[in-house]
Amino acid sequence: MSAAGFVVGLTVLALGTYALRFGGVAAGGRMPMTDDVRGLVDRAVAVLLVAVALTGALFDGSSPADAARPAGVAAGVAAAVLRAPLVVVVVVAAVTTAALRAA
């Protein structure tokens, strides 16, 4: 990917993000959200974040990542589920990935 393509992509994503945020603020007072809709929006945000995280964990550019990366992510998720501090989560994921790549 060229630098110009990267800048264009980044700019489009940034403008789209700000447009969506502004749309939410502008429409917030005009369209009251029920509890069901709020729950759906909360779930949609979680699904989007998980999709982005899985894409980063499972792919390296356009090809699948090596087995060490998803294993490291899984180890980090396990540490996070066990309520470890963020530094510990990152170190567990990095050490797991490095150990599997070294083996």
Protein backbone atom coordinates (compact mmCIF):
# COMPACT_ATOMS: atom_id res chain seq x y z
CA MET A 1 0.00 0.00 0.00
CA SER A 2 1.36 3.38 -0.91
CA ALA A 3 1.57 6.27 1.52
CA ALA A 4 -1.03 8.21 -0.46
CA GLY A 5 -3.46 5.29 -0.35
CA PHE A 6 -2.95 4.99 3.38
CA VAL A 7 -3.59 8.69 3.95
CA VAL A 8 -6.73 8.59 1.78
CA GLY A 9 -8.05 5.54 3.63
CA LEU A 10 -7.30 7.07 7.01
CA THR A 11 -8.98 10.33 6.02
CA VAL A 12 -12.10 8.55 4.77
CA LEU A 13 -12.36 6.51 7.96
CA ALA A 14 -11.86 9.59 10.14
CA LEU A 15 -14.47 11.62 8.26
CA GLY A 16 -16.92 8.72 8.38
CA THR A 17 -16.39 8.31 12.11
CA TYR A 18 -16.99 11.99 12.79
CA ALA A 19 -20.04 12.01 10.51
CA LEU A 20 -21.56 9.09 12.41
CA ARG A 21 -20.83 10.74 15.75
CA PHE A 22 -22.35 14.02 14.61
CA GLY A 23 -25.38 12.19 13.24
CA GLY A 24 -25.89 10.51 16.61
CA VAL A 25 -25.66 13.81 18.45
CA ALA A 26 -27.93 15.60 15.97
CA ALA A 27 -30.56 12.86 15.93
CA GLY A 28 -30.33 12.09 19.64
CA GLY A 29 -32.82 14.73 20.67
CA ARG A 30 -35.22 14.10 17.80
CA MET A 31 -35.48 10.32 18.03
CA PRO A 32 -35.91 8.94 21.51
CA MET A 33 -34.38 5.48 21.86
CA THR A 34 -36.22 2.76 23.68
CA ASP A 35 -34.40 0.38 26.00
CA ASP A 36 -34.57 -2.32 23.33
CA VAL A 37 -32.87 -0.07 20.78
CA ARG A 38 -30.18 0.96 23.29
CA GLY A 39 -29.47 -2.70 23.99
CA LEU A 40 -29.24 -3.42 20.27
CA VAL A 41 -26.82 -0.53 19.75
CA ASP A 42 -24.65 -1.69 22.65
CA ARG A 43 -24.50 -5.19 21.18
CA ALA A 44 -23.72 -3.82 17.71
CA VAL A 45 -20.77 -1.87 19.10
CA ALA A 46 -19.44 -4.99 20.81
CA VAL A 47 -19.84 -7.05 17.63
CA LEU A 48 -17.99 -4.43 15.59
CA LEU A 49 -15.08 -4.31 18.05
CA VAL A 50 -14.82 -8.10 18.15
CA ALA A 51 -14.88 -8.26 14.34
CA VAL A 52 -12.04 -5.75 14.08
CA ALA A 53 -10.03 -7.58 16.75
CA LEU A 54 -10.53 -10.96 15.06
CA THR A 55 -9.53 -9.58 11.69
CA GLY A 56 -6.31 -8.27 13.19
CA ALA A 57 -5.68 -11.51 15.06
CA LEU A 58 -6.36 -13.93 12.23
CA PHE A 59 -4.98 -12.15 9.17
CA ASP A 60 -1.65 -10.62 8.25
CA GLY A 61 -2.53 -8.28 5.41
CA SER A 62 -4.43 -10.37 2.89
CA SER A 63 -3.09 -13.75 4.01
CA PRO A 64 -3.84 -15.76 7.15
CA ALA A 65 -1.60 -15.12 10.14
CA ASP A 66 0.66 -17.80 11.54
CA ALA A 67 -0.76 -19.95 14.37
CA ALA A 68 1.22 -18.08 17.02
CA ARG A 69 -0.73 -14.83 16.65
CA PRO A 70 -4.22 -16.22 17.38
CA ALA A 71 -2.75 -18.29 20.22
CA GLY A 72 -1.22 -15.15 21.72
CA VAL A 73 -4.50 -13.30 21.38
CA ALA A 74 -6.32 -16.19 23.04
CA ALA A 75 -3.82 -16.16 25.92
CA GLY A 76 -4.30 -12.41 26.29
CA VAL A 77 -8.08 -12.80 26.29
CA ALA A 78 -7.81 -15.50 28.94
CA ALA A 79 -5.69 -13.18 31.10
CA ALA A 80 -8.23 -10.38 30.60
CA VAL A 81 -11.12 -12.65 31.54
CA LEU A 82 -9.24 -13.51 34.73
CA ARG A 83 -9.15 -9.72 35.42
CA ALA A 84 -5.37 -9.35 35.11
CA PRO A 85 -4.01 -5.80 34.79
CA LEU A 86 -3.61 -4.51 31.23
CA VAL A 87 0.18 -4.71 31.38
CA VAL A 88 -0.04 -8.37 32.37
CA VAL A 89 -2.52 -9.09 29.57
CA VAL A 90 -0.18 -7.56 26.98
CA VAL A 91 2.88 -9.35 28.36
CA VAL A 92 1.08 -12.72 28.46
CA ALA A 93 -0.03 -12.30 24.84
CA ALA A 94 3.42 -11.19 23.67
CA VAL A 95 5.31 -13.91 25.52
CA THR A 96 2.92 -16.61 24.28
CA THR A 97 3.27 -15.42 20.68
CA ALA A 98 7.06 -15.13 20.93
CA ALA A 99 7.43 -18.55 22.55
CA LEU A 100 5.34 -20.23 19.86
CA ARG A 101 7.24 -18.50 17.08
CA ALA A 102 10.58 -19.47 18.61
CA ALA A 103 9.58 -23.13 18.90
